[in-house]
């Protein structure tokens, strides 16, 4: 019955030039990764409603193949990424500057997470990674004062560790990126769409080379 209705309506869809929109919603890559659900709910989630990082989809796919249960993660900024990384890695430490958001994430975060609160106006936010006395496999910079956080992060990265910078196309972060490159980090860029947003942007991964 549905097939017959579709055959009847398809010429009308083509006439109204909405056939491509129908295919985009029903069969496209955006449908596959859950973008429509994410956009409607204004949450960084996949097609099954599960939390994912608010990074570009290509970067998420790259990370998914490489993360393992022995990795330790530090995040500047917390959210669905905290839950996603915690499900795949050994532990996650996140620092958050928004008190209300901090309380919300802390309530739902699993046991292998440590959610810190520091006000963005203080240097403690940037230096929070130092207070853990650890080095990390992955450091995600997706909060405030990103340029300064990039400079702080290189001292707390394990050998072969990576730094992830979201929105790396923004001019305001170019000095921080230059700093990393001057310290022998190479950049891999992932440009395209991601959860929630209707536009594309860039997430970059930096790793050090000799």
N, C-alpha and C. Protein backbone atom coordinates (compact mmCIF):
# COMPACT_ATOMS: atom_id res chain seq x y z
N UNK A 1 0.83 -1.21 0.00
CA UNK A 1 0.00 0.00 0.00
C UNK A 1 0.86 1.26 0.00
N UNK A 2 1.88 1.27 0.88
CA UNK A 2 2.76 2.43 0.98
C UNK A 2 3.54 2.63 -0.31
N UNK A 3 3.93 1.51 -0.94
CA UNK A 3 4.67 1.61 -2.20
C UNK A 3 3.80 2.24 -3.28
N UNK A 4 2.52 1.85 -3.31
CA UNK A 4 1.60 2.42 -4.31
C UNK A 4 1.41 3.91 -4.08
N UNK A 5 1.28 4.30 -2.81
CA UNK A 5 1.11 5.73 -2.48
C UNK A 5 2.35 6.51 -2.91
N UNK A 6 3.52 5.93 -2.64
CA UNK A 6 4.77 6.59 -3.00
C UNK A 6 4.86 6.78 -4.52
N UNK A 7 4.45 5.75 -5.28
CA UNK A 7 4.50 5.86 -6.74
C UNK A 7 3.55 6.93 -7.25
N UNK A 8 2.41 7.07 -6.57
CA UNK A 8 1.45 8.09 -6.97
C UNK A 8 1.95 9.49 -6.64
N UNK A 9 2.59 9.61 -5.50
CA UNK A 9 3.03 10.93 -5.03
C UNK A 9 4.34 11.38 -5.64
N UNK A 10 5.15 10.43 -6.12
CA UNK A 10 6.49 10.79 -6.57
C UNK A 10 6.49 11.82 -7.70
N UNK A 11 5.62 11.69 -8.72
CA UNK A 11 5.58 12.74 -9.76
C UNK A 11 5.26 14.11 -9.17
N UNK A 12 4.40 14.15 -8.15
CA UNK A 12 4.07 15.42 -7.50
C UNK A 12 5.29 15.97 -6.76
N UNK A 13 6.02 15.09 -6.08
CA UNK A 13 7.25 15.52 -5.39
C UNK A 13 8.22 16.14 -6.38
N UNK A 14 8.34 15.49 -7.56
CA UNK A 14 9.27 16.00 -8.57
C UNK A 14 8.79 17.33 -9.12
N UNK A 15 7.49 17.45 -9.32
CA UNK A 15 6.92 18.70 -9.83
C UNK A 15 7.16 19.84 -8.86
N UNK A 16 7.00 19.55 -7.58
CA UNK A 16 7.20 20.57 -6.54
C UNK A 16 8.67 20.73 -6.15
N UNK A 17 9.51 19.90 -6.76
CA UNK A 17 10.95 19.92 -6.50
C UNK A 17 11.29 19.62 -5.04
N UNK A 18 10.55 18.71 -4.46
CA UNK A 18 10.85 18.28 -3.09
C UNK A 18 11.28 16.81 -3.05
N UNK A 19 11.48 16.22 -4.24
CA UNK A 19 11.92 14.83 -4.29
C UNK A 19 13.30 14.66 -3.64
N UNK A 20 14.18 15.63 -3.89
CA UNK A 20 15.53 15.54 -3.31
C UNK A 20 15.49 15.68 -1.79
N UNK A 21 14.57 16.51 -1.29
CA UNK A 21 14.43 16.67 0.16
C UNK A 21 13.93 15.37 0.80
N UNK A 22 13.02 14.71 0.11
CA UNK A 22 12.50 13.43 0.61
C UNK A 22 13.63 12.40 0.71
N UNK A 23 14.43 12.30 -0.35
CA UNK A 23 15.53 11.34 -0.36
C UNK A 23 16.58 11.69 0.70
N UNK A 24 16.80 13.00 0.88
CA UNK A 24 17.76 13.44 1.89
C UNK A 24 17.33 13.00 3.27
N UNK A 25 16.05 13.11 3.55
CA UNK A 25 15.54 12.75 4.87
C UNK A 25 15.48 11.23 5.07
N UNK A 26 15.15 10.50 4.00
CA UNK A 26 14.92 9.06 4.15
C UNK A 26 16.17 8.21 3.98
N UNK A 27 17.10 8.62 3.11
CA UNK A 27 18.16 7.69 2.73
C UNK A 27 19.57 8.28 2.76
N UNK A 28 19.73 9.50 3.21
CA UNK A 28 21.02 10.16 3.09
C UNK A 28 21.98 9.81 4.23
N UNK A 29 23.21 10.26 4.07
CA UNK A 29 24.23 10.13 5.11
C UNK A 29 23.78 10.84 6.39
N UNK A 30 23.13 11.99 6.24
CA UNK A 30 22.67 12.73 7.42
C UNK A 30 21.64 11.93 8.22
N UNK A 31 20.81 11.18 7.51
CA UNK A 31 19.86 10.29 8.19
C UNK A 31 20.61 9.18 8.92
N UNK A 32 21.62 8.64 8.26
CA UNK A 32 22.39 7.52 8.81
C UNK A 32 23.11 7.90 10.10
N UNK A 33 23.65 9.12 10.16
CA UNK A 33 24.40 9.52 11.36
C UNK A 33 23.51 10.15 12.43
N UNK A 34 22.24 10.35 12.11
CA UNK A 34 21.31 10.87 13.11
C UNK A 34 21.21 12.37 13.18
N UNK A 35 21.64 13.05 12.10
CA UNK A 35 21.63 14.52 12.13
C UNK A 35 20.23 15.08 12.32
N UNK A 36 19.23 14.53 11.65
CA UNK A 36 17.87 15.07 11.74
C UNK A 36 17.35 15.00 13.17
N UNK A 37 17.58 13.88 13.83
CA UNK A 37 17.16 13.74 15.23
C UNK A 37 17.92 14.72 16.12
N UNK A 38 19.20 14.86 15.86
CA UNK A 38 20.03 15.78 16.63
C UNK A 38 19.56 17.22 16.46
N UNK A 39 19.24 17.59 15.22
CA UNK A 39 18.78 18.95 14.93
C UNK A 39 17.44 19.24 15.61
N UNK A 40 16.52 18.29 15.53
CA UNK A 40 15.20 18.49 16.13
C UNK A 40 15.28 18.63 17.65
N UNK A 41 16.08 17.80 18.27
CA UNK A 41 16.17 17.79 19.74
C UNK A 41 17.20 18.77 20.29
N UNK A 42 17.99 19.35 19.37
CA UNK A 42 19.06 20.28 19.77
C UNK A 42 19.99 19.63 20.80
N UNK A 43 20.32 18.36 20.52
CA UNK A 43 21.25 17.60 21.36
C UNK A 43 22.26 16.90 20.47
N UNK A 44 23.45 16.71 21.00
CA UNK A 44 24.49 15.99 20.25
C UNK A 44 24.29 14.49 20.47
N UNK A 45 23.47 13.90 19.60
CA UNK A 45 23.10 12.49 19.72
C UNK A 45 23.17 11.82 18.35
N UNK A 46 23.25 10.47 18.36
CA UNK A 46 23.25 9.73 17.10
C UNK A 46 21.83 9.32 16.73
N UNK A 47 21.70 8.48 15.72
CA UNK A 47 20.38 8.10 15.23
C UNK A 47 19.58 7.30 16.25
N UNK A 48 20.27 6.70 17.22
CA UNK A 48 19.59 5.94 18.27
C UNK A 48 19.35 6.76 19.53
N UNK A 49 19.67 8.05 19.46
CA UNK A 49 19.47 8.92 20.61
C UNK A 49 20.57 8.84 21.64
N UNK A 50 21.69 8.19 21.29
CA UNK A 50 22.81 8.05 22.22
C UNK A 50 23.75 9.25 22.11
N UNK A 51 24.38 9.66 23.22
CA UNK A 51 25.25 10.84 23.21
C UNK A 51 26.49 10.65 22.35
N UNK A 52 26.85 11.69 21.62
CA UNK A 52 28.09 11.73 20.85
C UNK A 52 28.72 13.10 21.04
N UNK A 53 30.01 13.25 20.76
CA UNK A 53 30.65 14.56 20.90
C UNK A 53 30.09 15.56 19.89
N UNK A 54 30.12 16.84 20.27
CA UNK A 54 29.70 17.89 19.35
C UNK A 54 30.90 18.31 18.51
N UNK A 55 31.40 17.36 17.74
CA UNK A 55 32.51 17.54 16.81
C UNK A 55 32.00 17.20 15.42
N UNK A 56 32.80 17.43 14.40
CA UNK A 56 32.37 17.05 13.05
C UNK A 56 32.25 15.52 12.95
N UNK A 57 31.32 15.08 12.13
CA UNK A 57 31.08 13.63 12.00
C UNK A 57 32.33 12.88 11.53
N UNK A 58 33.09 13.50 10.64
CA UNK A 58 34.29 12.81 10.13
C UNK A 58 35.32 12.62 11.24
N UNK A 59 35.41 13.57 12.15
CA UNK A 59 36.34 13.43 13.28
C UNK A 59 35.85 12.35 14.24
N UNK A 60 34.56 12.32 14.49
CA UNK A 60 33.99 11.29 15.37
C UNK A 60 34.29 9.90 14.81
N UNK A 61 34.10 9.74 13.50
CA UNK A 61 34.36 8.44 12.87
C UNK A 61 35.84 8.06 12.99
N UNK A 62 36.71 9.03 12.82
CA UNK A 62 38.15 8.80 12.94
C UNK A 62 38.50 8.33 14.35
N UNK A 63 37.94 9.00 15.35
CA UNK A 63 38.22 8.65 16.75
C UNK A 63 37.65 7.28 17.11
N UNK A 64 36.47 7.00 16.60
CA UNK A 64 35.78 5.75 16.95
C UNK A 64 36.65 4.53 16.63
N UNK A 65 37.42 4.61 15.59
CA UNK A 65 38.25 3.48 15.17
C UNK A 65 39.54 3.37 15.98
N UNK A 66 39.87 4.41 16.74
CA UNK A 66 41.19 4.46 17.38
C UNK A 66 41.17 4.51 18.90
N UNK A 67 40.05 4.82 19.50
CA UNK A 67 39.97 4.86 20.96
C UNK A 67 39.98 3.45 21.53
N UNK A 68 40.49 3.30 22.75
CA UNK A 68 40.43 2.00 23.40
C UNK A 68 40.24 2.16 24.91
N UNK A 69 39.97 1.07 25.58
CA UNK A 69 39.58 1.09 26.99
C UNK A 69 40.73 1.40 27.95
N UNK A 70 41.94 1.54 27.42
CA UNK A 70 43.08 1.89 28.27
C UNK A 70 43.41 3.38 28.26
N UNK A 71 42.72 4.13 27.44
CA UNK A 71 43.04 5.55 27.26
C UNK A 71 42.45 6.41 28.37
N UNK A 72 43.21 7.46 28.72
CA UNK A 72 42.76 8.44 29.70
C UNK A 72 42.56 9.78 29.00
N UNK A 73 41.44 10.41 29.30
CA UNK A 73 40.99 11.59 28.56
C UNK A 73 40.87 12.80 29.48
N UNK A 74 41.24 13.99 28.96
CA UNK A 74 40.96 15.24 29.66
C UNK A 74 40.20 16.15 28.70
N UNK A 75 39.16 16.80 29.23
CA UNK A 75 38.34 17.71 28.42
C UNK A 75 38.28 19.10 29.04
N UNK A 76 38.52 20.11 28.23
CA UNK A 76 38.11 21.47 28.58
C UNK A 76 36.71 21.65 28.00
N UNK A 77 35.70 21.62 28.87
CA UNK A 77 34.31 21.59 28.43
C UNK A 77 33.74 20.20 28.65
N UNK A 78 32.50 20.14 29.08
CA UNK A 78 31.87 18.84 29.34
C UNK A 78 30.51 18.77 28.65
N UNK A 79 29.99 17.55 28.55
CA UNK A 79 28.69 17.37 27.90
C UNK A 79 28.53 15.95 27.41
N UNK A 80 27.87 15.81 26.27
CA UNK A 80 27.67 14.46 25.73
C UNK A 80 28.98 13.80 25.32
N UNK A 81 29.97 14.62 25.02
CA UNK A 81 31.29 14.05 24.72
C UNK A 81 31.85 13.33 25.94
N UNK A 82 31.60 13.86 27.13
CA UNK A 82 32.07 13.22 28.36
C UNK A 82 31.50 11.81 28.47
N UNK A 83 30.21 11.69 28.20
CA UNK A 83 29.54 10.39 28.29
C UNK A 83 30.05 9.44 27.21
N UNK A 84 30.28 9.97 26.02
CA UNK A 84 30.74 9.15 24.90
C UNK A 84 32.14 8.61 25.15
N UNK A 85 33.05 9.49 25.54
CA UNK A 85 34.43 9.05 25.82
C UNK A 85 34.47 8.10 27.01
N UNK A 86 33.66 8.35 28.02
CA UNK A 86 33.64 7.48 29.21
C UNK A 86 33.20 6.07 28.86
N UNK A 87 32.36 5.94 27.85
CA UNK A 87 31.87 4.63 27.43
C UNK A 87 32.92 3.85 26.64
N UNK A 88 33.96 4.54 26.16
CA UNK A 88 34.94 3.90 25.29
C UNK A 88 36.34 3.83 25.90
N UNK A 89 36.59 4.64 26.92
CA UNK A 89 37.95 4.77 27.45
C UNK A 89 38.02 4.47 28.94
N UNK A 90 39.22 4.46 29.48
CA UNK A 90 39.44 4.09 30.88
C UNK A 90 38.81 5.10 31.83
N UNK A 91 39.09 6.39 31.62
CA UNK A 91 38.50 7.43 32.46
C UNK A 91 38.52 8.77 31.74
N UNK A 92 37.68 9.68 32.22
CA UNK A 92 37.56 11.01 31.64
C UNK A 92 37.54 12.04 32.76
N UNK A 93 38.40 13.04 32.65
CA UNK A 93 38.36 14.19 33.55
C UNK A 93 37.95 15.40 32.73
N UNK A 94 36.92 16.12 33.17
CA UNK A 94 36.42 17.28 32.45
C UNK A 94 36.37 18.48 33.38
N UNK A 95 36.70 19.65 32.85
CA UNK A 95 36.55 20.89 33.62
C UNK A 95 35.46 21.73 32.97
N UNK A 96 34.55 22.23 33.79
CA UNK A 96 33.39 22.99 33.32
C UNK A 96 33.32 24.33 34.04
N UNK A 97 32.95 25.39 33.30
CA UNK A 97 32.87 26.73 33.90
C UNK A 97 31.44 27.16 34.20
N UNK A 98 30.46 26.51 33.60
CA UNK A 98 29.05 26.85 33.81
C UNK A 98 28.51 26.01 34.97
N UNK A 99 28.16 26.67 36.06
CA UNK A 99 27.77 25.95 37.28
C UNK A 99 26.54 25.08 37.06
N UNK A 100 25.52 25.60 36.40
CA UNK A 100 24.30 24.83 36.17
C UNK A 100 24.57 23.61 35.29
N UNK A 101 25.36 23.81 34.24
CA UNK A 101 25.70 22.70 33.35
C UNK A 101 26.56 21.67 34.08
N UNK A 102 27.47 22.16 34.90
CA UNK A 102 28.31 21.28 35.72
C UNK A 102 27.46 20.36 36.59
N UNK A 103 26.45 20.94 37.25
CA UNK A 103 25.58 20.15 38.12
C UNK A 103 24.80 19.12 37.32
N UNK A 104 24.36 19.50 36.13
CA UNK A 104 23.58 18.58 35.29
C UNK A 104 24.44 17.40 34.83
N UNK A 105 25.63 17.68 34.34
CA UNK A 105 26.50 16.61 33.83
C UNK A 105 26.98 15.72 34.97
N UNK A 106 27.28 16.31 36.10
CA UNK A 106 27.78 15.53 37.25
C UNK A 106 26.75 14.49 37.69
N UNK A 107 25.47 14.81 37.56
CA UNK A 107 24.42 13.89 37.98
C UNK A 107 24.32 12.66 37.08
N UNK A 108 24.64 12.81 35.82
CA UNK A 108 24.45 11.71 34.86
C UNK A 108 25.77 11.06 34.43
N UNK A 109 26.89 11.64 34.85
CA UNK A 109 28.19 11.10 34.43
C UNK A 109 28.48 9.77 35.11
N UNK A 110 29.05 8.81 34.39
CA UNK A 110 29.36 7.49 34.97
C UNK A 110 30.52 7.57 35.97
N UNK A 111 30.79 6.45 36.62
CA UNK A 111 31.77 6.42 37.72
C UNK A 111 33.20 6.66 37.26
N UNK A 112 33.48 6.40 36.01
CA UNK A 112 34.86 6.58 35.54
C UNK A 112 35.12 8.00 35.02
N UNK A 113 34.33 8.97 35.54
CA UNK A 113 34.53 10.37 35.18
C UNK A 113 34.83 11.19 36.43
N UNK A 114 35.51 12.29 36.21
CA UNK A 114 35.78 13.26 37.27
C UNK A 114 35.47 14.64 36.71
N UNK A 115 34.36 15.23 37.15
CA UNK A 115 33.92 16.52 36.62
C UNK A 115 34.35 17.62 37.58
N UNK A 116 35.18 18.53 37.09
CA UNK A 116 35.69 19.64 37.89
C UNK A 116 34.94 20.91 37.55
N UNK A 117 34.84 21.81 38.52
CA UNK A 117 34.24 23.12 38.26
C UNK A 117 35.26 24.21 38.54
N UNK A 118 35.47 25.08 37.55
CA UNK A 118 36.33 26.25 37.72
C UNK A 118 35.72 27.40 36.93
N UNK A 119 35.70 28.57 37.52
CA UNK A 119 35.16 29.74 36.82
C UNK A 119 36.09 30.13 35.67
N UNK A 120 35.48 30.51 34.55
CA UNK A 120 36.27 30.82 33.36
C UNK A 120 37.13 32.07 33.53
N UNK A 121 36.73 32.96 34.47
CA UNK A 121 37.46 34.20 34.66
C UNK A 121 38.80 33.99 35.36
N UNK A 122 39.00 32.84 35.97
CA UNK A 122 40.21 32.59 36.73
C UNK A 122 41.20 31.75 35.94
N UNK A 123 42.46 31.86 36.34
CA UNK A 123 43.50 31.05 35.70
C UNK A 123 43.38 29.58 36.08
N UNK A 124 42.60 29.31 37.12
CA UNK A 124 42.42 27.93 37.58
C UNK A 124 41.77 27.05 36.51
N UNK A 125 40.94 27.67 35.67
CA UNK A 125 40.29 26.91 34.59
C UNK A 125 41.36 26.36 33.64
N UNK A 126 42.26 27.23 33.21
CA UNK A 126 43.32 26.82 32.29
C UNK A 126 44.25 25.82 32.95
N UNK A 127 44.57 26.06 34.22
CA UNK A 127 45.54 25.24 34.96
C UNK A 127 44.93 23.98 35.56
N UNK A 128 43.64 23.79 35.39
CA UNK A 128 42.97 22.65 36.03
C UNK A 128 43.59 21.31 35.63
N UNK A 129 44.10 21.22 34.43
CA UNK A 129 44.72 19.97 33.99
C UNK A 129 45.97 19.66 34.81
N UNK A 130 46.65 20.71 35.29
CA UNK A 130 47.85 20.52 36.11
C UNK A 130 47.52 19.92 37.46
N UNK A 131 46.33 20.26 37.98
CA UNK A 131 45.95 19.80 39.32
C UNK A 131 45.74 18.29 39.38
N UNK A 132 45.58 17.65 38.24
CA UNK A 132 45.34 16.20 38.22
C UNK A 132 46.63 15.39 38.33
N UNK A 133 47.77 16.07 38.09
CA UNK A 133 49.09 15.40 38.17
C UNK A 133 49.16 14.14 37.29
N UNK A 134 48.60 14.24 36.10
CA UNK A 134 48.59 13.11 35.18
C UNK A 134 48.92 13.59 33.77
N UNK A 135 49.26 12.63 32.93
CA UNK A 135 49.36 12.88 31.51
C UNK A 135 48.28 12.07 30.81
N UNK A 136 47.82 12.58 29.68
CA UNK A 136 46.63 12.02 29.03
C UNK A 136 46.92 11.57 27.60
N UNK A 137 46.13 10.58 27.19
CA UNK A 137 46.20 10.11 25.80
C UNK A 137 45.51 11.06 24.85
N UNK A 138 44.42 11.66 25.32
CA UNK A 138 43.63 12.59 24.50
C UNK A 138 43.26 13.79 25.35
N UNK A 139 43.48 14.99 24.81
CA UNK A 139 43.05 16.23 25.45
C UNK A 139 42.14 16.95 24.48
N UNK A 140 40.91 17.21 24.90
CA UNK A 140 39.93 17.89 24.05
C UNK A 140 39.78 19.32 24.52
N UNK A 141 39.91 20.26 23.59
CA UNK A 141 39.79 21.69 23.90
C UNK A 141 38.55 22.22 23.20
N UNK A 142 37.49 22.37 23.98
CA UNK A 142 36.20 22.78 23.42
C UNK A 142 35.45 23.65 24.43
N UNK A 143 36.22 24.42 25.21
CA UNK A 143 35.61 25.28 26.22
C UNK A 143 36.05 26.72 26.03
N UNK A 144 36.43 27.38 27.12
CA UNK A 144 36.86 28.78 27.08
C UNK A 144 38.38 28.88 27.03
N UNK A 145 38.86 30.09 26.66
CA UNK A 145 40.30 30.38 26.65
C UNK A 145 41.09 29.28 25.91
N UNK A 146 40.61 28.94 24.74
CA UNK A 146 41.18 27.78 24.04
C UNK A 146 42.65 27.97 23.67
N UNK A 147 43.02 29.19 23.31
CA UNK A 147 44.42 29.44 22.97
C UNK A 147 45.35 29.13 24.13
N UNK A 148 45.00 29.62 25.31
CA UNK A 148 45.82 29.37 26.50
C UNK A 148 45.75 27.90 26.91
N UNK A 149 44.61 27.28 26.71
CA UNK A 149 44.48 25.85 27.04
C UNK A 149 45.36 25.00 26.13
N UNK A 150 45.51 25.41 24.88
CA UNK A 150 46.40 24.68 23.97
C UNK A 150 47.83 24.72 24.48
N UNK A 151 48.24 25.91 24.93
CA UNK A 151 49.62 26.07 25.42
C UNK A 151 49.84 25.26 26.70
N UNK A 152 48.84 25.20 27.55
CA UNK A 152 48.95 24.45 28.80
C UNK A 152 48.96 22.94 28.55
N UNK A 153 48.25 22.51 27.52
CA UNK A 153 48.02 21.08 27.31
C UNK A 153 49.26 20.30 26.92
N UNK A 154 50.20 20.94 26.23
CA UNK A 154 51.33 20.17 25.71
C UNK A 154 52.19 19.56 26.82
N UNK A 155 52.10 20.13 28.02
CA UNK A 155 52.88 19.60 29.15
C UNK A 155 52.22 18.40 29.82
N UNK A 156 51.01 18.07 29.38
CA UNK A 156 50.24 17.02 30.05
C UNK A 156 49.78 15.93 29.09
N UNK A 157 50.50 15.82 27.99
CA UNK A 157 50.16 14.85 26.96
C UNK A 157 51.14 13.69 26.98
N UNK A 158 50.62 12.48 26.94
CA UNK A 158 51.49 11.30 26.86
C UNK A 158 52.20 11.25 25.51
N UNK A 159 53.27 10.47 25.46
CA UNK A 159 53.90 10.22 24.17
C UNK A 159 52.86 9.60 23.24
N UNK A 160 52.82 10.09 22.02
CA UNK A 160 51.84 9.64 21.01
C UNK A 160 50.41 10.06 21.33
N UNK A 161 50.24 10.95 22.32
CA UNK A 161 48.91 11.47 22.62
C UNK A 161 48.46 12.49 21.59
N UNK A 162 47.18 12.83 21.63
CA UNK A 162 46.64 13.81 20.67
C UNK A 162 45.88 14.91 21.39
N UNK A 163 45.87 16.08 20.75
CA UNK A 163 45.06 17.21 21.19
C UNK A 163 43.97 17.43 20.15
N UNK A 164 42.74 17.57 20.60
CA UNK A 164 41.60 17.82 19.70
C UNK A 164 41.11 19.24 19.94
N UNK A 165 41.07 20.04 18.90
CA UNK A 165 40.56 21.42 18.97
C UNK A 165 39.34 21.54 18.08
N UNK A 166 38.21 21.89 18.68
CA UNK A 166 37.01 22.10 17.87
C UNK A 166 36.94 23.55 17.41
N UNK A 167 36.23 23.78 16.30
CA UNK A 167 36.10 25.11 15.69
C UNK A 167 37.45 25.69 15.31
N UNK A 168 38.34 24.85 14.84
CA UNK A 168 39.71 25.27 14.58
C UNK A 168 39.84 26.20 13.38
N UNK A 169 38.77 26.38 12.62
CA UNK A 169 38.80 27.32 11.50
C UNK A 169 38.72 28.77 11.96
N UNK A 170 38.33 29.01 13.19
CA UNK A 170 38.13 30.37 13.68
C UNK A 170 39.46 31.11 13.82
N UNK A 171 39.45 32.35 13.39
CA UNK A 171 40.67 33.16 13.40
C UNK A 171 41.24 33.33 14.80
N UNK A 172 40.37 33.39 15.80
CA UNK A 172 40.79 33.63 17.17
C UNK A 172 41.71 32.53 17.70
N UNK A 173 41.68 31.35 17.10
CA UNK A 173 42.49 30.23 17.60
C UNK A 173 43.78 30.02 16.81
N UNK A 174 44.04 30.86 15.83
CA UNK A 174 45.19 30.62 14.95
C UNK A 174 46.54 30.78 15.65
N UNK A 175 46.62 31.68 16.63
CA UNK A 175 47.87 31.82 17.37
C UNK A 175 48.17 30.56 18.18
N UNK A 176 47.12 29.97 18.76
CA UNK A 176 47.29 28.73 19.50
C UNK A 176 47.72 27.59 18.60
N UNK A 177 47.12 27.52 17.41
CA UNK A 177 47.50 26.49 16.43
C UNK A 177 48.95 26.68 15.99
N UNK A 178 49.33 27.93 15.78
CA UNK A 178 50.72 28.23 15.40
C UNK A 178 51.68 27.78 16.50
N UNK A 179 51.28 27.99 17.75
CA UNK A 179 52.10 27.56 18.89
C UNK A 179 52.31 26.05 18.86
N UNK A 180 51.25 25.30 18.62
CA UNK A 180 51.37 23.84 18.56
C UNK A 180 52.29 23.42 17.42
N UNK A 181 52.13 24.02 16.27
CA UNK A 181 52.96 23.66 15.12
C UNK A 181 54.42 24.02 15.35
N UNK A 182 54.66 25.12 16.05
CA UNK A 182 56.04 25.50 16.38
C UNK A 182 56.67 24.54 17.38
N UNK A 183 55.82 23.76 18.05
CA UNK A 183 56.30 22.76 18.99
C UNK A 183 56.20 21.35 18.41
N UNK A 184 56.32 21.28 17.09
CA UNK A 184 56.40 20.01 16.36
C UNK A 184 55.12 19.18 16.38
N UNK A 185 53.99 19.85 16.47
CA UNK A 185 52.71 19.15 16.31
C UNK A 185 52.25 19.31 14.86
N UNK A 186 51.72 18.25 14.30
CA UNK A 186 51.12 18.35 12.98
C UNK A 186 49.60 18.31 13.12
N UNK A 187 48.93 18.93 12.18
CA UNK A 187 47.48 19.10 12.24
C UNK A 187 46.78 18.24 11.18
N UNK A 188 45.75 17.53 11.61
CA UNK A 188 44.85 16.84 10.69
C UNK A 188 43.49 17.49 10.83
N UNK A 189 42.94 18.00 9.75
CA UNK A 189 41.67 18.71 9.81
C UNK A 189 40.52 17.83 9.34
N UNK A 190 39.38 18.00 10.00
CA UNK A 190 38.15 17.29 9.66
C UNK A 190 37.05 18.34 9.48
N UNK A 191 36.78 18.67 8.23
CA UNK A 191 35.81 19.72 7.91
C UNK A 191 34.53 19.10 7.37
N UNK A 192 33.41 19.59 7.84
CA UNK A 192 32.11 19.09 7.38
C UNK A 192 31.05 19.35 8.42
N UNK A 193 29.95 18.66 8.29
CA UNK A 193 28.85 18.84 9.23
C UNK A 193 29.04 17.97 10.46
N UNK A 194 28.31 18.32 11.49
CA UNK A 194 28.28 17.56 12.73
C UNK A 194 26.90 17.67 13.34
N UNK A 195 26.74 17.20 14.56
CA UNK A 195 25.42 17.26 15.21
C UNK A 195 24.88 18.68 15.33
N UNK A 196 23.56 18.79 15.34
CA UNK A 196 22.80 20.01 15.67
C UNK A 196 22.87 21.09 14.59
N UNK A 197 24.08 21.51 14.22
CA UNK A 197 24.24 22.68 13.35
C UNK A 197 23.84 22.40 11.90
N UNK A 198 23.37 23.44 11.22
CA UNK A 198 23.00 23.32 9.81
C UNK A 198 24.18 23.67 8.90
N UNK A 199 25.27 24.11 9.48
CA UNK A 199 26.45 24.52 8.71
C UNK A 199 27.62 23.58 9.03
N UNK A 200 28.64 23.67 8.21
CA UNK A 200 29.85 22.89 8.46
C UNK A 200 30.87 23.69 9.25
N UNK A 201 31.80 22.99 9.87
CA UNK A 201 32.90 23.64 10.57
C UNK A 201 34.08 22.66 10.59
N UNK A 202 35.13 22.99 11.32
CA UNK A 202 36.33 22.16 11.32
C UNK A 202 36.72 21.75 12.74
N UNK A 203 37.00 20.48 12.90
CA UNK A 203 37.63 19.96 14.11
C UNK A 203 39.02 19.48 13.72
N UNK A 204 40.03 19.85 14.50
CA UNK A 204 41.41 19.46 14.18
C UNK A 204 41.98 18.54 15.25
N UNK A 205 42.80 17.61 14.81
CA UNK A 205 43.56 16.74 15.71
C UNK A 205 45.04 17.04 15.52
N UNK A 206 45.75 17.22 16.63
CA UNK A 206 47.18 17.50 16.61
C UNK A 206 47.93 16.37 17.29
N UNK A 207 48.95 15.87 16.63
CA UNK A 207 49.84 14.92 17.27
C UNK A 207 51.28 15.31 16.99
N UNK A 208 52.16 14.94 17.90
CA UNK A 208 53.55 15.40 17.82
C UNK A 208 54.37 14.44 16.97
N UNK A 209 55.33 15.01 16.27
CA UNK A 209 56.25 14.19 15.48
C UNK A 209 57.68 14.64 15.79
N UNK A 210 58.63 13.75 15.58
CA UNK A 210 60.04 14.05 15.90
C UNK A 210 60.68 14.90 14.81
